[in-house]
């Protein structure tokens, strides 16, 4: 069993190994990912924000209203099957 000091020393050497790889392979601030074999930007990098999620708009085919949900799931399956068969 390893002592805490041995474990900490191994983690420190591993960390410095990663830092050496990052400096040799990547631009400043980027980190080398061995799994995919390329440099990754820092987390949260980029001037663009995440896209806003928008609710789907109802189609104009049915007057702009959502179709009513059938009470029985079997009916929904039958309707979907009929739509696919018609295509």
N, C-alpha and C. Protein backbone atom coordinates (compact mmCIF):
# COMPACT_ATOMS: atom_id res chain seq x y z
N UNK A 1 0.84 -1.17 0.00
CA UNK A 1 0.00 0.00 0.00
C UNK A 1 0.89 1.24 0.00
N UNK A 2 0.53 2.23 -0.78
CA UNK A 2 1.31 3.47 -0.88
C UNK A 2 0.92 4.42 0.24
N UNK A 3 1.92 5.14 0.71
CA UNK A 3 1.63 6.16 1.71
C UNK A 3 1.07 7.40 1.02
N UNK A 4 0.51 8.28 1.79
CA UNK A 4 -0.06 9.50 1.24
C UNK A 4 1.03 10.34 0.57
N UNK A 5 2.21 10.35 1.17
CA UNK A 5 3.32 11.11 0.58
C UNK A 5 3.73 10.56 -0.77
N UNK A 6 3.77 9.23 -0.91
CA UNK A 6 4.13 8.62 -2.19
C UNK A 6 3.06 8.93 -3.24
N UNK A 7 1.81 8.82 -2.82
CA UNK A 7 0.71 9.10 -3.75
C UNK A 7 0.76 10.56 -4.21
N UNK A 8 1.00 11.48 -3.29
CA UNK A 8 1.06 12.90 -3.63
C UNK A 8 2.22 13.18 -4.57
N UNK A 9 3.37 12.53 -4.33
CA UNK A 9 4.53 12.73 -5.21
C UNK A 9 4.24 12.22 -6.62
N UNK A 10 3.56 11.07 -6.74
CA UNK A 10 3.21 10.55 -8.06
C UNK A 10 2.23 11.48 -8.77
N UNK A 11 1.25 12.01 -8.05
CA UNK A 11 0.29 12.93 -8.66
C UNK A 11 0.98 14.21 -9.12
N UNK A 12 1.96 14.69 -8.33
CA UNK A 12 2.68 15.90 -8.70
C UNK A 12 3.49 15.66 -9.96
N UNK A 13 4.15 14.50 -10.06
CA UNK A 13 4.94 14.21 -11.26
C UNK A 13 4.03 14.04 -12.47
N UNK A 14 2.86 13.46 -12.28
CA UNK A 14 1.90 13.30 -13.38
C UNK A 14 1.41 14.66 -13.84
N UNK A 15 1.13 15.54 -12.88
CA UNK A 15 0.66 16.87 -13.22
C UNK A 15 1.74 17.63 -14.00
N UNK A 16 2.97 17.53 -13.56
CA UNK A 16 4.02 18.25 -14.26
C UNK A 16 4.26 17.63 -15.64
N UNK A 17 4.04 16.32 -15.79
CA UNK A 17 4.16 15.68 -17.10
C UNK A 17 3.13 16.27 -18.05
N UNK A 18 1.88 16.41 -17.57
CA UNK A 18 0.83 16.99 -18.40
C UNK A 18 1.17 18.43 -18.77
N UNK A 19 1.67 19.18 -17.83
CA UNK A 19 2.05 20.57 -18.11
C UNK A 19 3.16 20.64 -19.16
N UNK A 20 4.14 19.72 -19.08
CA UNK A 20 5.21 19.70 -20.09
C UNK A 20 4.65 19.38 -21.47
N UNK A 21 3.75 18.43 -21.55
CA UNK A 21 3.13 18.07 -22.83
C UNK A 21 2.35 19.26 -23.38
N UNK A 22 1.57 19.92 -22.51
CA UNK A 22 0.78 21.07 -22.94
C UNK A 22 1.68 22.15 -23.54
N UNK A 23 2.77 22.44 -22.87
CA UNK A 23 3.69 23.49 -23.36
C UNK A 23 4.32 23.10 -24.69
N UNK A 24 4.66 21.83 -24.86
CA UNK A 24 5.34 21.38 -26.08
C UNK A 24 4.39 21.26 -27.26
N UNK A 25 3.15 20.87 -27.02
CA UNK A 25 2.25 20.52 -28.13
C UNK A 25 1.22 21.61 -28.47
N UNK A 26 0.89 22.45 -27.51
CA UNK A 26 -0.28 23.32 -27.68
C UNK A 26 0.05 24.80 -27.55
N UNK A 27 -0.91 25.62 -28.00
CA UNK A 27 -0.84 27.06 -27.79
C UNK A 27 -1.03 27.36 -26.31
N UNK A 28 -0.60 28.53 -25.86
CA UNK A 28 -0.79 28.87 -24.45
C UNK A 28 -2.27 28.81 -24.04
N UNK A 29 -2.54 28.19 -22.91
CA UNK A 29 -3.90 28.06 -22.41
C UNK A 29 -4.59 26.80 -22.86
N UNK A 30 -4.10 26.15 -23.92
CA UNK A 30 -4.70 24.92 -24.40
C UNK A 30 -4.11 23.73 -23.68
N UNK A 31 -4.82 22.61 -23.69
CA UNK A 31 -4.37 21.41 -23.00
C UNK A 31 -4.42 20.22 -23.96
N UNK A 32 -3.36 19.40 -23.94
CA UNK A 32 -3.27 18.23 -24.80
C UNK A 32 -4.16 17.12 -24.26
N UNK A 33 -4.99 16.54 -25.12
CA UNK A 33 -5.84 15.41 -24.76
C UNK A 33 -5.30 14.18 -25.47
N UNK A 34 -4.75 13.24 -24.69
CA UNK A 34 -4.13 12.05 -25.28
C UNK A 34 -5.15 11.13 -25.93
N UNK A 35 -6.37 11.11 -25.44
CA UNK A 35 -7.39 10.22 -25.98
C UNK A 35 -7.73 10.56 -27.42
N UNK A 36 -7.93 11.82 -27.71
CA UNK A 36 -8.30 12.21 -29.07
C UNK A 36 -7.10 12.73 -29.86
N UNK A 37 -5.97 12.93 -29.18
CA UNK A 37 -4.74 13.31 -29.87
C UNK A 37 -4.73 14.72 -30.41
N UNK A 38 -5.31 15.66 -29.68
CA UNK A 38 -5.24 17.06 -30.10
C UNK A 38 -5.38 17.98 -28.91
N UNK A 39 -5.08 19.25 -29.14
CA UNK A 39 -5.16 20.26 -28.09
C UNK A 39 -6.60 20.76 -27.97
N UNK A 40 -7.04 20.94 -26.74
CA UNK A 40 -8.39 21.44 -26.49
C UNK A 40 -8.31 22.82 -25.87
N UNK A 41 -9.21 23.72 -26.24
CA UNK A 41 -9.20 25.06 -25.65
C UNK A 41 -9.65 24.99 -24.19
N UNK A 42 -9.36 26.05 -23.43
CA UNK A 42 -9.82 26.06 -22.05
C UNK A 42 -11.34 26.00 -21.98
N UNK A 43 -11.86 25.47 -20.91
CA UNK A 43 -13.32 25.36 -20.74
C UNK A 43 -13.93 26.75 -20.74
N UNK A 44 -15.03 26.90 -21.43
CA UNK A 44 -15.70 28.20 -21.50
C UNK A 44 -15.08 29.12 -22.52
N UNK A 45 -14.21 28.61 -23.38
CA UNK A 45 -13.52 29.44 -24.36
C UNK A 45 -14.47 29.81 -25.49
N UNK A 46 -14.31 30.99 -26.00
CA UNK A 46 -15.08 31.41 -27.16
C UNK A 46 -15.83 32.68 -26.90
N UNK A 47 -15.97 33.47 -27.93
CA UNK A 47 -16.69 34.73 -27.78
C UNK A 47 -18.19 34.54 -27.98
N UNK A 48 -18.56 33.42 -28.57
CA UNK A 48 -19.98 33.18 -28.81
C UNK A 48 -20.58 32.47 -27.60
N UNK A 49 -21.77 32.86 -27.24
CA UNK A 49 -22.45 32.19 -26.13
C UNK A 49 -23.20 30.99 -26.69
N UNK A 50 -23.66 30.15 -25.80
CA UNK A 50 -24.42 28.98 -26.21
C UNK A 50 -25.71 29.43 -26.89
N UNK A 51 -26.15 28.70 -27.90
CA UNK A 51 -27.37 29.11 -28.59
C UNK A 51 -28.58 29.03 -27.66
N UNK A 52 -29.48 29.96 -27.81
CA UNK A 52 -30.69 29.95 -27.00
C UNK A 52 -31.62 28.86 -27.52
N UNK A 53 -32.21 28.14 -26.60
CA UNK A 53 -33.16 27.11 -26.98
C UNK A 53 -34.51 27.76 -27.18
N UNK A 54 -35.12 27.46 -28.31
CA UNK A 54 -36.41 28.04 -28.61
C UNK A 54 -37.45 26.93 -28.65
N UNK A 55 -38.64 27.27 -28.18
CA UNK A 55 -39.73 26.30 -28.25
C UNK A 55 -40.15 26.17 -29.71
N UNK A 56 -40.47 24.97 -30.16
CA UNK A 56 -40.91 24.82 -31.54
C UNK A 56 -42.23 25.56 -31.76
N UNK A 57 -42.32 26.21 -32.89
CA UNK A 57 -43.55 26.94 -33.20
C UNK A 57 -44.54 25.99 -33.85
N UNK A 58 -45.80 26.10 -33.52
CA UNK A 58 -46.80 25.23 -34.14
C UNK A 58 -46.88 25.50 -35.64
N UNK A 59 -47.13 24.45 -36.40
CA UNK A 59 -47.19 24.59 -37.85
C UNK A 59 -48.47 25.30 -38.27
N UNK A 60 -48.40 26.07 -39.35
CA UNK A 60 -49.61 26.79 -39.81
C UNK A 60 -50.65 25.87 -40.44
N UNK A 61 -50.29 24.59 -40.68
CA UNK A 61 -51.22 23.66 -41.31
C UNK A 61 -52.48 23.46 -40.46
N UNK A 62 -52.30 23.44 -39.14
CA UNK A 62 -53.44 23.18 -38.28
C UNK A 62 -53.91 24.45 -37.57
N UNK A 63 -53.78 25.58 -38.22
CA UNK A 63 -54.26 26.83 -37.68
C UNK A 63 -53.39 27.39 -36.57
N UNK A 64 -52.16 26.94 -36.48
CA UNK A 64 -51.25 27.46 -35.46
C UNK A 64 -51.45 26.85 -34.09
N UNK A 65 -52.26 25.78 -34.02
CA UNK A 65 -52.50 25.14 -32.74
C UNK A 65 -51.83 23.77 -32.72
N UNK A 66 -51.46 23.35 -31.52
CA UNK A 66 -50.88 22.02 -31.37
C UNK A 66 -51.98 20.99 -31.50
N UNK A 67 -51.68 19.85 -32.11
CA UNK A 67 -52.71 18.81 -32.20
C UNK A 67 -53.03 18.25 -30.82
N UNK A 68 -54.26 17.86 -30.62
CA UNK A 68 -54.68 17.30 -29.33
C UNK A 68 -54.06 15.92 -29.16
N UNK A 69 -53.65 15.61 -27.93
CA UNK A 69 -53.06 14.30 -27.66
C UNK A 69 -54.19 13.29 -27.44
N UNK A 70 -54.09 12.14 -28.09
CA UNK A 70 -55.10 11.11 -27.83
C UNK A 70 -54.90 10.53 -26.42
N UNK A 71 -55.97 10.09 -25.81
CA UNK A 71 -55.91 9.57 -24.44
C UNK A 71 -55.21 8.21 -24.40
N UNK A 72 -55.30 7.45 -25.47
CA UNK A 72 -54.75 6.10 -25.51
C UNK A 72 -53.46 6.10 -26.33
N UNK A 73 -52.33 5.61 -25.77
CA UNK A 73 -51.09 5.58 -26.54
C UNK A 73 -51.19 4.70 -27.78
N UNK A 74 -52.03 3.69 -27.74
CA UNK A 74 -52.21 2.82 -28.90
C UNK A 74 -52.75 3.59 -30.09
N UNK A 75 -53.58 4.60 -29.82
CA UNK A 75 -54.12 5.43 -30.89
C UNK A 75 -53.00 6.23 -31.53
N UNK A 76 -52.10 6.75 -30.71
CA UNK A 76 -50.96 7.50 -31.25
C UNK A 76 -50.10 6.64 -32.16
N UNK A 77 -49.89 5.39 -31.75
CA UNK A 77 -49.09 4.47 -32.55
C UNK A 77 -49.79 4.17 -33.87
N UNK A 78 -51.10 3.98 -33.81
CA UNK A 78 -51.86 3.70 -35.03
C UNK A 78 -51.83 4.88 -35.98
N UNK A 79 -51.95 6.09 -35.45
CA UNK A 79 -51.92 7.29 -36.29
C UNK A 79 -50.56 7.42 -36.94
N UNK A 80 -49.49 7.22 -36.17
CA UNK A 80 -48.13 7.32 -36.74
C UNK A 80 -47.92 6.27 -37.82
N UNK A 81 -48.40 5.05 -37.57
CA UNK A 81 -48.28 3.98 -38.57
C UNK A 81 -49.01 4.34 -39.85
N UNK A 82 -50.19 4.93 -39.74
CA UNK A 82 -50.96 5.34 -40.91
C UNK A 82 -50.23 6.44 -41.68
N UNK A 83 -49.62 7.38 -40.95
CA UNK A 83 -48.87 8.45 -41.64
C UNK A 83 -47.70 7.89 -42.41
N UNK A 84 -47.00 6.94 -41.81
CA UNK A 84 -45.82 6.35 -42.47
C UNK A 84 -46.23 5.49 -43.66
N UNK A 85 -47.35 4.81 -43.57
CA UNK A 85 -47.83 3.98 -44.66
C UNK A 85 -48.26 4.83 -45.84
N UNK A 86 -48.76 6.04 -45.57
CA UNK A 86 -49.23 6.94 -46.63
C UNK A 86 -48.07 7.52 -47.43
N UNK A 87 -46.87 7.53 -46.87
CA UNK A 87 -45.71 8.12 -47.57
C UNK A 87 -45.18 7.26 -48.64
